Amino acid sequence: MDGSDVTLERMRTFVRVAERGNLSAVARELGTGQSTVTRQLRELEEAVGTSLLSRTTRGVALTEEGSRYYAQCVQILRLVEQASEEIQDSRGAPSGTIRISCTAALGVLHITRLIFAFQARYPDIRIDLSLTDERIDLVKEGVDVALRLGPLIDTSMKLHHLGQSARLLVAAPGYLAVHGRPETPTDLTAHNVIRMSNVAGSETLVLTGPDGTPHAIPVKGDLRVDHGLAAREAFRAGRGVEPAHRWLVDDLLASGELEPLLSDHSLPTTPLNMLIVPARTKVARVRLLIDYLVEQAACLPGIGSHRDGS
């Protein structure tokens, strides 16, 4: 083989294997067999005349030459994709697929309906939505845009700050009828507090009083969960007191299924951010979704107004 055998298909397969580090995962993603993926990699290595990947018991890893070649392949494939999309965009309505990752509970309760409305506006755009509370590698997972609550560590992505998510203490009327209503922050030590196992420091509640005084209250409870929707069902069922995001419980407060507690005290807010793979901001359909979500996020319950600092 020679350089003419370096096809875009083989290059794309190599890039995905380099990013995923697993042949079977890439085969499932591409809807083909693992033997096909292996053959494409072998043919690419024969065409370039060097080993690009080393096989280990844990998967595959890039060789030194493979690392340099991967970086060049990514640039080439992005240029090819961008050129194709610019042609498509110039011919009419935006089309193609956008891959989105979103915090699970927020996605189920609010972001899905926003996506439905977005697709009604742009019917030729397909959405691939992944709901997870795990911090994923956007490039590795092939994601264009991610919505995340909480502080962010990855600074390689383009970031839009969408707002601050307000939180408040809530409980069901049935729980309060049995256990009483806390009147001061220290009263919370005698209550069953539902905690999030995937949130650091959930064993302590920090509230700020009306005079600005902070109160750090150690709390305990017989239930810990790792999903916002599970927490929602727990305090809806009267299992305890919960510090909840406003968007998680706004409808339950309106219906009277939950009641706010210690309303003269406030909990720290949580940032809501949108992460975008930088190269994808030039794609028309992705840009449309970004602008749409920036506009709509301010309408979510408990998300304060924001200023785009990007």
C-alpha atoms as a PDB file:
ATOM      1  CA  MET A   1       0.000   0.000   0.000  1.00  0.00           C
ATOM      2  CA  ASP A   2       1.005   3.654  -0.377  1.00  0.00           C
ATOM      3  CA  GLY A   3      -0.238   7.089   0.667  1.00  0.00           C
ATOM      4  CA  SER A   4      -3.170   6.897  -1.724  1.00  0.00           C
ATOM      5  CA  ASP A   5      -4.656   4.225   0.525  1.00  0.00           C
ATOM      6  CA  VAL A   6      -5.049   6.725   3.381  1.00  0.00           C
ATOM      7  CA  THR A   7      -8.817   7.130   3.089  1.00  0.00           C
ATOM      8  CA  LEU A   8     -11.053   9.375   5.172  1.00  0.00           C
ATOM      9  CA  GLU A   9     -12.932   6.319   6.413  1.00  0.00           C
ATOM     10  CA  ARG A  10      -9.761   4.714   7.758  1.00  0.00           C
ATOM     11  CA  MET A  11      -8.654   8.026   9.213  1.00  0.00           C
ATOM     12  CA  ARG A  12     -11.987   8.501  11.016  1.00  0.00           C
ATOM     13  CA  THR A  13     -11.809   4.996  12.441  1.00  0.00           C
ATOM     14  CA  PHE A  14      -8.275   5.612  13.689  1.00  0.00           C
ATOM     15  CA  VAL A  15      -9.288   8.892  15.361  1.00  0.00           C
ATOM     16  CA  ARG A  16     -12.240   7.308  17.167  1.00  0.00           C
ATOM     17  CA  VAL A  17     -10.111   4.378  18.366  1.00  0.00           C
ATOM     18  CA  ALA A  18      -7.453   6.801  19.584  1.00  0.00           C
ATOM     19  CA  GLU A  19     -10.083   8.754  21.492  1.00  0.00           C
ATOM     20  CA  ARG A  20     -12.038   5.825  22.898  1.00  0.00           C
ATOM     21  CA  GLY A  21      -9.081   3.489  23.484  1.00  0.00           C
ATOM     22  CA  ASN A  22     -11.300   0.498  22.808  1.00  0.00           C
ATOM     23  CA  LEU A  23     -11.880  -1.337  19.528  1.00  0.00           C
ATOM     24  CA  SER A  24     -15.203  -2.929  20.463  1.00  0.00           C
ATOM     25  CA  ALA A  25     -16.643   0.409  21.641  1.00  0.00           C
ATOM     26  CA  VAL A  26     -15.760   2.019  18.322  1.00  0.00           C
ATOM     27  CA  ALA A  27     -17.209  -0.930  16.409  1.00  0.00           C
ATOM     28  CA  ARG A  28     -20.535  -0.507  18.257  1.00  0.00           C
ATOM     29  CA  GLU A  29     -20.454   3.242  17.639  1.00  0.00           C
ATOM     30  CA  LEU A  30     -19.870   2.744  13.911  1.00  0.00           C
ATOM     31  CA  GLY A  31     -22.359  -0.096  13.643  1.00  0.00           C
ATOM     32  CA  THR A  32     -19.804  -2.551  12.303  1.00  0.00           C
ATOM     33  CA  GLY A  33     -17.799  -5.541  13.475  1.00  0.00           C
ATOM     34  CA  GLN A  34     -14.592  -5.344  15.476  1.00  0.00           C
ATOM     35  CA  SER A  35     -12.806  -7.255  12.700  1.00  0.00           C
ATOM     36  CA  THR A  36     -13.664  -4.426  10.286  1.00  0.00           C
ATOM     37  CA  VAL A  37     -12.215  -1.831  12.661  1.00  0.00           C
ATOM     38  CA  THR A  38      -9.067  -3.915  13.100  1.00  0.00           C
ATOM     39  CA  ARG A  39      -8.694  -4.302   9.331  1.00  0.00           C
ATOM     40  CA  GLN A  40      -9.084  -0.557   8.707  1.00  0.00           C
ATOM     41  CA  LEU A  41      -6.430   0.228  11.304  1.00  0.00           C
ATOM     42  CA  ARG A  42      -4.037  -2.336   9.828  1.00  0.00           C
ATOM     43  CA  GLU A  43      -4.553  -0.969   6.324  1.00  0.00           C
ATOM     44  CA  LEU A  44      -3.965   2.597   7.533  1.00  0.00           C
ATOM     45  CA  GLU A  45      -0.735   1.612   9.301  1.00  0.00           C
ATOM     46  CA  GLU A  46       0.426  -0.174   6.152  1.00  0.00           C
ATOM     47  CA  ALA A  47      -0.385   2.893   4.066  1.00  0.00           C
ATOM     48  CA  VAL A  48       1.582   5.311   6.305  1.00  0.00           C
ATOM     49  CA  GLY A  49       4.346   2.802   6.904  1.00  0.00           C
ATOM     50  CA  THR A  50       4.471   2.885  10.688  1.00  0.00           C
ATOM     51  CA  SER A  51       2.719   1.587  13.791  1.00  0.00           C
ATOM     52  CA  LEU A  52       0.157   4.072  15.099  1.00  0.00           C
ATOM     53  CA  LEU A  53      -1.339   2.096  17.977  1.00  0.00           C
ATOM     54  CA  SER A  54       0.020  -0.327  20.541  1.00  0.00           C
ATOM     55  CA  ARG A  55      -2.259  -3.075  21.802  1.00  0.00           C
ATOM     56  CA  THR A  56      -2.382  -3.776  25.548  1.00  0.00           C
ATOM     57  CA  THR A  57      -4.508  -5.940  27.813  1.00  0.00           C
ATOM     58  CA  ARG A  58      -6.496  -2.819  28.737  1.00  0.00           C
ATOM     59  CA  GLY A  59      -7.123  -1.651  25.186  1.00  0.00           C
ATOM     60  CA  VAL A  60      -5.080   0.366  22.717  1.00  0.00           C
ATOM     61  CA  ALA A  61      -2.787   3.357  23.125  1.00  0.00           C
ATOM     62  CA  LEU A  62      -1.129   5.731  20.691  1.00  0.00           C
ATOM     63  CA  THR A  63       2.503   5.278  19.803  1.00  0.00           C
ATOM     64  CA  GLU A  64       4.706   8.362  19.581  1.00  0.00           C
ATOM     65  CA  GLU A  65       4.182   8.470  15.825  1.00  0.00           C
ATOM     66  CA  GLY A  66       0.478   7.775  16.362  1.00  0.00           C
ATOM     67  CA  SER A  67       0.128  10.804  18.642  1.00  0.00           C
ATOM     68  CA  ARG A  68       1.566  13.123  15.998  1.00  0.00           C
ATOM     69  CA  TYR A  69      -0.530  11.526  13.273  1.00  0.00           C
ATOM     70  CA  TYR A  70      -3.700  11.734  15.397  1.00  0.00           C
ATOM     71  CA  ALA A  71      -3.330  15.506  15.830  1.00  0.00           C
ATOM     72  CA  GLN A  72      -2.947  15.942  12.066  1.00  0.00           C
ATOM     73  CA  CYS A  73      -5.898  13.653  11.333  1.00  0.00           C
ATOM     74  CA  VAL A  74      -8.174  15.629  13.649  1.00  0.00           C
ATOM     75  CA  GLN A  75      -7.337  18.859  11.818  1.00  0.00           C
ATOM     76  CA  ILE A  76      -7.872  17.249   8.407  1.00  0.00           C
ATOM     77  CA  LEU A  77     -11.210  15.688   9.350  1.00  0.00           C
ATOM     78  CA  ARG A  78     -12.465  18.915  10.883  1.00  0.00           C
ATOM     79  CA  LEU A  79     -11.586  20.810   7.707  1.00  0.00           C
ATOM     80  CA  VAL A  80     -13.380  18.197   5.591  1.00  0.00           C
ATOM     81  CA  GLU A  81     -16.445  18.272   7.844  1.00  0.00           C
ATOM     82  CA  GLN A  82     -16.511  22.057   7.997  1.00  0.00           C
ATOM     83  CA  ALA A  83     -16.236  22.355   4.212  1.00  0.00           C
ATOM     84  CA  SER A  84     -19.128  19.917   3.728  1.00  0.00           C
ATOM     85  CA  GLU A  85     -21.284  21.676   6.298  1.00  0.00           C
ATOM     86  CA  GLU A  86     -20.632  25.106   4.826  1.00  0.00           C
ATOM     87  CA  ILE A  87     -21.829  23.806   1.456  1.00  0.00           C
ATOM     88  CA  GLN A  88     -24.930  22.281   3.064  1.00  0.00           C
ATOM     89  CA  ASP A  89     -25.677  25.458   5.021  1.00  0.00           C
ATOM     90  CA  SER A  90     -25.441  27.561   1.860  1.00  0.00           C
ATOM     91  CA  ARG A  91     -28.026  25.370   0.125  1.00  0.00           C
ATOM     92  CA  GLY A  92     -30.872  25.898   2.560  1.00  0.00           C
ATOM     93  CA  ALA A  93     -32.120  24.968   6.005  1.00  0.00           C
ATOM     94  CA  PRO A  94     -29.555  23.725   8.550  1.00  0.00           C
ATOM     95  CA  SER A  95     -29.376  19.961   8.870  1.00  0.00           C
ATOM     96  CA  GLY A  96     -27.263  17.213  10.388  1.00  0.00           C
ATOM     97  CA  THR A  97     -26.733  15.816  13.890  1.00  0.00           C
ATOM     98  CA  ILE A  98     -25.868  17.622  17.127  1.00  0.00           C
ATOM     99  CA  ARG A  99     -24.631  15.544  20.052  1.00  0.00           C
ATOM    100  CA  ILE A 100     -25.551  16.922  23.471  1.00  0.00           C
ATOM    101  CA  SER A 101     -24.658  15.780  26.983  1.00  0.00           C
ATOM    102  CA  CYS A 102     -26.631  17.097  29.945  1.00  0.00           C
ATOM    103  CA  THR A 103     -26.941  16.635  33.693  1.00  0.00           C
ATOM    104  CA  ALA A 104     -29.569  13.914  34.004  1.00  0.00           C
ATOM    105  CA  ALA A 105     -32.347  15.422  36.126  1.00  0.00           C
ATOM    106  CA  LEU A 106     -32.118  18.826  34.456  1.00  0.00           C
ATOM    107  CA  GLY A 107     -32.234  17.105  31.085  1.00  0.00           C
ATOM    108  CA  VAL A 108     -35.333  15.053  31.885  1.00  0.00           C
ATOM    109  CA  LEU A 109     -37.317  17.854  33.502  1.00  0.00           C
ATOM    110  CA  HIS A 110     -36.401  20.815  31.311  1.00  0.00           C
ATOM    111  CA  ILE A 111     -33.813  20.450  28.544  1.00  0.00           C
ATOM    112  CA  THR A 112     -35.728  17.775  26.631  1.00  0.00           C
ATOM    113  CA  ARG A 113     -38.714  20.073  26.081  1.00  0.00           C
ATOM    114  CA  LEU A 114     -36.346  22.837  24.932  1.00  0.00           C
ATOM    115  CA  ILE A 115     -34.843  20.427  22.423  1.00  0.00           C
ATOM    116  CA  PHE A 116     -38.314  19.445  21.189  1.00  0.00           C
ATOM    117  CA  ALA A 117     -39.073  23.113  20.536  1.00  0.00           C
ATOM    118  CA  PHE A 118     -35.697  23.602  18.838  1.00  0.00           C
ATOM    119  CA  GLN A 119     -36.361  20.674  16.499  1.00  0.00           C
ATOM    120  CA  ALA A 120     -39.819  22.012  15.714  1.00  0.00           C
ATOM    121  CA  ARG A 121     -38.076  25.194  14.568  1.00  0.00           C
ATOM    122  CA  TYR A 122     -35.361  23.297  12.658  1.00  0.00           C
ATOM    123  CA  PRO A 123     -36.921  19.965  11.603  1.00  0.00           C
ATOM    124  CA  ASP A 124     -33.892  18.812   9.574  1.00  0.00           C
ATOM    125  CA  ILE A 125     -31.582  18.846  12.606  1.00  0.00           C
ATOM    126  CA  ARG A 126     -31.176  15.544  14.437  1.00  0.00           C
ATOM    127  CA  ILE A 127     -30.360  15.494  18.168  1.00  0.00           C
ATOM    128  CA  ASP A 128     -28.385  12.801  19.963  1.00  0.00           C
ATOM    129  CA  LEU A 129     -28.987  13.480  23.678  1.00  0.00           C
ATOM    130  CA  SER A 130     -27.003  11.743  26.429  1.00  0.00           C
ATOM    131  CA  LEU A 131     -28.102  12.231  30.049  1.00  0.00           C
ATOM    132  CA  THR A 132     -25.393  11.660  32.648  1.00  0.00           C
ATOM    133  CA  ASP A 133     -24.065  13.271  35.814  1.00  0.00           C
ATOM    134  CA  GLU A 134     -20.541  12.059  35.027  1.00  0.00           C
ATOM    135  CA  ARG A 135     -17.983  14.548  33.738  1.00  0.00           C
ATOM    136  CA  ILE A 136     -17.169  13.122  30.335  1.00  0.00           C
ATOM    137  CA  ASP A 137     -14.462  13.957  27.812  1.00  0.00           C
ATOM    138  CA  LEU A 138     -16.430  15.764  25.104  1.00  0.00           C
ATOM    139  CA  VAL A 139     -13.937  15.068  22.330  1.00  0.00           C
ATOM    140  CA  LYS A 140     -13.492  11.435  23.302  1.00  0.00           C
ATOM    141  CA  GLU A 141     -17.253  10.827  23.413  1.00  0.00           C
ATOM    142  CA  GLY A 142     -17.937  12.768  20.220  1.00  0.00           C
ATOM    143  CA  VAL A 143     -20.121  15.348  22.004  1.00  0.00           C
ATOM    144  CA  ASP A 144     -20.622  18.863  20.592  1.00  0.00           C
ATOM    145  CA  VAL A 145     -22.241  20.605  23.575  1.00  0.00           C
ATOM    146  CA  ALA A 146     -22.550  19.756  27.274  1.00  0.00           C
ATOM    147  CA  LEU A 147     -24.670  21.346  30.009  1.00  0.00           C
ATOM    148  CA  ARG A 148     -23.146  20.967  33.468  1.00  0.00           C
ATOM    149  CA  LEU A 149     -23.974  22.054  37.012  1.00  0.00           C
ATOM    150  CA  GLY A 150     -21.155  22.854  39.414  1.00  0.00           C
ATOM    151  CA  PRO A 151     -17.573  24.090  39.130  1.00  0.00           C
ATOM    152  CA  LEU A 152     -15.606  23.036  36.053  1.00  0.00           C
ATOM    153  CA  ILE A 153     -12.014  21.908  35.801  1.00  0.00           C
ATOM    154  CA  ASP A 154     -11.610  21.440  32.037  1.00  0.00           C
ATOM    155  CA  THR A 155     -10.542  24.784  30.547  1.00  0.00           C
ATOM    156  CA  SER A 156      -9.862  23.483  27.019  1.00  0.00           C
ATOM    157  CA  MET A 157     -13.527  23.841  26.039  1.00  0.00           C
ATOM    158  CA  LYS A 158     -15.309  27.023  25.065  1.00  0.00           C
ATOM    159  CA  LEU A 159     -17.580  28.034  27.938  1.00  0.00           C
ATOM    160  CA  HIS A 160     -20.856  29.909  28.222  1.00  0.00           C
ATOM    161  CA  HIS A 161     -21.979  30.758  31.748  1.00  0.00           C
ATOM    162  CA  LEU A 162     -25.752  30.313  31.609  1.00  0.00           C
ATOM    163  CA  GLY A 163     -26.564  31.439  35.148  1.00  0.00           C
ATOM    164  CA  GLN A 164     -26.618  30.492  38.803  1.00  0.00           C
ATOM    165  CA  SER A 165     -28.989  27.758  39.948  1.00  0.00           C
ATOM    166  CA  ALA A 166     -30.815  28.811  43.115  1.00  0.00           C
ATOM    167  CA  ARG A 167     -31.364  26.192  45.819  1.00  0.00           C
ATOM    168  CA  LEU A 168     -33.746  26.063  48.774  1.00  0.00           C
ATOM    169  CA  LEU A 169     -34.750  23.753  51.594  1.00  0.00           C
ATOM    170  CA  VAL A 170     -37.970  21.807  51.063  1.00  0.00           C
ATOM    171  CA  ALA A 171     -40.018  19.070  52.699  1.00  0.00           C
ATOM    172  CA  ALA A 172     -43.404  17.424  52.188  1.00  0.00           C
ATOM    173  CA  PRO A 173     -46.330  18.549  54.380  1.00  0.00           C
ATOM    174  CA  GLY A 174     -46.703  14.972  55.644  1.00  0.00           C
ATOM    175  CA  TYR A 175     -43.105  14.897  56.862  1.00  0.00           C
ATOM    176  CA  LEU A 176     -43.504  18.255  58.614  1.00  0.00           C
ATOM    177  CA  ALA A 177     -46.731  17.115  60.280  1.00  0.00           C
ATOM    178  CA  VAL A 178     -44.854  14.244  61.923  1.00  0.00           C
ATOM    179  CA  HIS A 179     -41.444  15.782  62.604  1.00  0.00           C
ATOM    180  CA  GLY A 180     -42.221  19.478  62.972  1.00  0.00           C
ATOM    181  CA  ARG A 181     -40.990  22.462  60.999  1.00  0.00           C
ATOM    182  CA  PRO A 182     -37.414  23.681  61.586  1.00  0.00           C
ATOM    183  CA  GLU A 183     -37.463  27.290  62.720  1.00  0.00           C
ATOM    184  CA  THR A 184     -33.681  27.876  62.907  1.00  0.00           C
ATOM    185  CA  PRO A 185     -30.711  26.359  61.059  1.00  0.00           C
ATOM    186  CA  THR A 186     -29.630  24.415  64.156  1.00  0.00           C
ATOM    187  CA  ASP A 187     -33.029  22.685  64.208  1.00  0.00           C
ATOM    188  CA  LEU A 188     -31.913  20.796  61.095  1.00  0.00           C
ATOM    189  CA  THR A 189     -29.600  18.615  63.199  1.00  0.00           C
ATOM    190  CA  ALA A 190     -32.700  16.816  64.523  1.00  0.00           C
ATOM    191  CA  HIS A 191     -34.155  16.168  61.052  1.00  0.00           C
ATOM    192  CA  ASN A 192     -33.668  13.455  58.460  1.00  0.00           C
ATOM    193  CA  VAL A 193     -31.806  15.164  55.610  1.00  0.00           C
ATOM    194  CA  ILE A 194     -31.695  13.474  52.205  1.00  0.00           C
ATOM    195  CA  ARG A 195     -28.162  13.767  50.890  1.00  0.00           C
ATOM    196  CA  MET A 196     -26.544  13.451  47.473  1.00  0.00           C
ATOM    197  CA  SER A 197     -23.741  10.898  47.462  1.00  0.00           C
ATOM    198  CA  ASN A 198     -22.183  12.414  44.343  1.00  0.00           C
ATOM    199  CA  VAL A 199     -22.003  15.939  45.808  1.00  0.00           C
ATOM    200  CA  ALA A 200     -18.950  16.734  47.913  1.00  0.00           C
ATOM    201  CA  GLY A 201     -19.708  18.106  51.381  1.00  0.00           C
ATOM    202  CA  SER A 202     -23.366  17.075  51.467  1.00  0.00           C
ATOM    203  CA  GLU A 203     -22.976  16.126  55.141  1.00  0.00           C
ATOM    204  CA  THR A 204     -22.871  19.855  55.945  1.00  0.00           C
ATOM    205  CA  LEU A 205     -25.471  22.456  55.061  1.00  0.00           C
ATOM    206  CA  VAL A 206     -24.273  26.036  54.724  1.00  0.00           C
ATOM    207  CA  LEU A 207     -27.015  28.636  55.052  1.00  0.00           C
ATOM    208  CA  THR A 208     -26.733  32.409  55.108  1.00  0.00           C
ATOM    209  CA  GLY A 209     -29.046  34.267  57.471  1.00  0.00           C
ATOM    210  CA  PRO A 210     -30.955  37.463  56.721  1.00  0.00           C
ATOM    211  CA  ASP A 211     -28.166  39.454  58.377  1.00  0.00           C
ATOM    212  CA  GLY A 212     -25.518  37.793  56.207  1.00  0.00           C
ATOM    213  CA  THR A 213     -24.265  35.451  58.922  1.00  0.00           C
ATOM    214  CA  PRO A 214     -23.244  32.013  57.586  1.00  0.00           C
ATOM    215  CA  HIS A 215     -24.331  28.874  59.432  1.00  0.00           C
ATOM    216  CA  ALA A 216     -22.561  25.551  58.771  1.00  0.00           C
ATOM    217  CA  ILE A 217     -24.856  22.806  60.041  1.00  0.00           C
ATOM    218  CA  PRO A 218     -23.765  19.156  60.237  1.00  0.00           C
ATOM    219  CA  VAL A 219     -26.664  16.975  59.106  1.00  0.00           C
ATOM    220  CA  LYS A 220     -27.462  13.293  58.953  1.00  0.00           C
ATOM    221  CA  GLY A 221     -30.086  11.059  57.414  1.00  0.00           C
ATOM    222  CA  ASP A 222     -30.925   7.502  56.510  1.00  0.00           C
ATOM    223  CA  LEU A 223     -30.984   8.020  52.726  1.00  0.00           C
ATOM    224  CA  ARG A 224     -28.322   9.018  50.230  1.00  0.00           C
ATOM    225  CA  VAL A 225     -28.935   9.030  46.485  1.00  0.00           C
ATOM    226  CA  ASP A 226     -26.831   9.815  43.422  1.00  0.00           C
ATOM    227  CA  HIS A 227     -29.546  11.097  41.113  1.00  0.00           C
ATOM    228  CA  GLY A 228     -31.652  14.251  41.319  1.00  0.00           C
ATOM    229  CA  LEU A 229     -34.855  12.514  40.243  1.00  0.00           C
ATOM    230  CA  ALA A 230     -34.434   9.947  43.035  1.00  0.00           C
ATOM    231  CA  ALA A 231     -34.048  12.784  45.543  1.00  0.00           C
ATOM    232  CA  ARG A 232     -37.159  14.446  44.114  1.00  0.00           C
ATOM    233  CA  GLU A 233     -39.203  11.289  44.670  1.00  0.00           C
ATOM    234  CA  ALA A 234     -37.774  10.828  48.165  1.00  0.00           C
ATOM    235  CA  PHE A 235     -38.823  14.178  49.567  1.00  0.00           C
ATOM    236  CA  ARG A 236     -42.065  14.017  47.604  1.00  0.00           C
ATOM    237  CA  ALA A 237     -42.757  10.802  49.546  1.00  0.00           C
ATOM    238  CA  GLY A 238     -42.032  12.535  52.861  1.00  0.00           C
ATOM    239  CA  ARG A 239     -38.669  10.868  53.470  1.00  0.00           C
ATOM    240  CA  GLY A 240     -37.006  13.997  54.812  1.00  0.00           C
ATOM    241  CA  VAL A 241     -35.711  17.519  54.316  1.00  0.00           C
ATOM    242  CA  GLU A 242     -33.801  18.316  51.160  1.00  0.00           C
ATOM    243  CA  PRO A 243     -31.684  21.193  49.827  1.00  0.00           C
ATOM    244  CA  ALA A 244     -32.986  21.207  46.246  1.00  0.00           C
ATOM    245  CA  HIS A 245     -32.435  23.160  43.060  1.00  0.00           C
ATOM    246  CA  ARG A 246     -35.428  25.379  42.311  1.00  0.00           C
ATOM    247  CA  TRP A 247     -35.776  23.852  38.818  1.00  0.00           C
ATOM    248  CA  LEU A 248     -36.033  20.390  40.418  1.00  0.00           C
ATOM    249  CA  VAL A 249     -39.021  21.208  42.629  1.00  0.00           C
ATOM    250  CA  ASP A 250     -40.694  24.323  41.250  1.00  0.00           C
ATOM    251  CA  ASP A 251     -43.780  22.439  40.065  1.00  0.00           C
ATOM    252  CA  LEU A 252     -44.081  20.561  43.392  1.00  0.00           C
ATOM    253  CA  LEU A 253     -43.926  23.827  45.330  1.00  0.00           C
ATOM    254  CA  ALA A 254     -46.617  25.305  43.088  1.00  0.00           C
ATOM    255  CA  SER A 255     -48.890  22.291  43.632  1.00  0.00           C
ATOM    256  CA  GLY A 256     -48.338  22.241  47.403  1.00  0.00           C
ATOM    257  CA  GLU A 257     -46.714  18.805  47.385  1.00  0.00           C
ATOM    258  CA  LEU A 258     -43.637  20.427  48.920  1.00  0.00           C
ATOM    259  CA  GLU A 259     -43.168  23.435  51.177  1.00  0.00           C
ATOM    260  CA  PRO A 260     -40.168  25.779  51.444  1.00  0.00           C
ATOM    261  CA  LEU A 261     -38.307  25.893  54.758  1.00  0.00           C
ATOM    262  CA  LEU A 262     -36.294  28.649  56.454  1.00  0.00           C
ATOM    263  CA  SER A 263     -37.244  31.050  53.672  1.00  0.00           C
ATOM    264  CA  ASP A 264     -35.339  33.903  55.307  1.00  0.00           C
ATOM    265  CA  HIS A 265     -32.100  31.940  54.872  1.00  0.00           C
ATOM    266  CA  SER A 266     -30.313  31.196  51.592  1.00  0.00           C
ATOM    267  CA  LEU A 267     -28.201  28.334  50.287  1.00  0.00           C
ATOM    268  CA  PRO A 268     -25.180  28.784  47.996  1.00  0.00           C
ATOM    269  CA  THR A 269     -26.095  28.840  44.335  1.00  0.00           C
ATOM    270  CA  THR A 270     -24.581  26.433  41.786  1.00  0.00           C
ATOM    271  CA  PRO A 271     -23.207  27.582  38.417  1.00  0.00           C
ATOM    272  CA  LEU A 272     -24.857  26.246  35.272  1.00  0.00           C
ATOM    273  CA  ASN A 273     -22.472  26.225  32.317  1.00  0.00           C
ATOM    274  CA  MET A 274     -22.470  25.147  28.716  1.00  0.00           C
ATOM    275  CA  LEU A 275     -19.277  23.587  27.361  1.00  0.00           C
ATOM    276  CA  ILE A 276     -18.637  23.512  23.619  1.00  0.00           C
ATOM    277  CA  VAL A 277     -15.885  21.794  21.659  1.00  0.00           C
ATOM    278  CA  PRO A 278     -14.164  24.892  20.182  1.00  0.00           C
ATOM    279  CA  ALA A 279     -14.063  23.635  16.588  1.00  0.00           C
ATOM    280  CA  ARG A 280     -17.822  22.970  16.650  1.00  0.00           C
ATOM    281  CA  THR A 281     -18.741  26.632  17.226  1.00  0.00           C
ATOM    282  CA  LYS A 282     -18.176  27.250  13.509  1.00  0.00           C
ATOM    283  CA  VAL A 283     -20.810  24.694  12.514  1.00  0.00           C
ATOM    284  CA  ALA A 284     -24.052  26.519  11.735  1.00  0.00           C
ATOM    285  CA  ARG A 285     -26.460  24.058  13.367  1.00  0.00           C
ATOM    286  CA  VAL A 286     -24.359  23.911  16.557  1.00  0.00           C
ATOM    287  CA  ARG A 287     -24.184  27.701  16.668  1.00  0.00           C
ATOM    288  CA  LEU A 288     -27.981  27.853  16.350  1.00  0.00           C
ATOM    289  CA  LEU A 289     -28.399  25.477  19.292  1.00  0.00           C
ATOM    290  CA  ILE A 290     -25.881  27.388  21.415  1.00  0.00           C
ATOM    291  CA  ASP A 291     -27.676  30.685  20.856  1.00  0.00           C
ATOM    292  CA  TYR A 292     -31.036  29.040  21.515  1.00  0.00           C
ATOM    293  CA  LEU A 293     -29.946  27.474  24.823  1.00  0.00           C
ATOM    294  CA  VAL A 294     -28.297  30.692  25.987  1.00  0.00           C
ATOM    295  CA  GLU A 295     -31.600  32.481  25.359  1.00  0.00           C
ATOM    296  CA  GLN A 296     -33.819  29.812  26.926  1.00  0.00           C
ATOM    297  CA  ALA A 297     -31.696  29.052  30.008  1.00  0.00           C
ATOM    298  CA  ALA A 298     -32.675  32.337  31.645  1.00  0.00           C
ATOM    299  CA  CYS A 299     -36.304  31.135  31.616  1.00  0.00           C
ATOM    300  CA  LEU A 300     -35.587  27.975  33.631  1.00  0.00           C
ATOM    301  CA  PRO A 301     -36.912  28.058  37.217  1.00  0.00           C
ATOM    302  CA  GLY A 302     -34.299  29.374  39.627  1.00  0.00           C
ATOM    303  CA  ILE A 303     -31.671  30.196  37.009  1.00  0.00           C
ATOM    304  CA  GLY A 304     -30.664  33.814  37.466  1.00  0.00           C
ATOM    305  CA  SER A 305     -29.967  36.195  34.632  1.00  0.00           C
ATOM    306  CA  HIS A 306     -26.506  35.925  33.172  1.00  0.00           C
ATOM    307  CA  ARG A 307     -24.039  37.743  31.024  1.00  0.00           C
ATOM    308  CA  ASP A 308     -22.158  35.852  28.353  1.00  0.00           C
ATOM    309  CA  GLY A 309     -18.504  36.326  29.121  1.00  0.00           C
ATOM    310  CA  SER A 310     -17.155  34.227  26.250  1.00  0.00           C
END
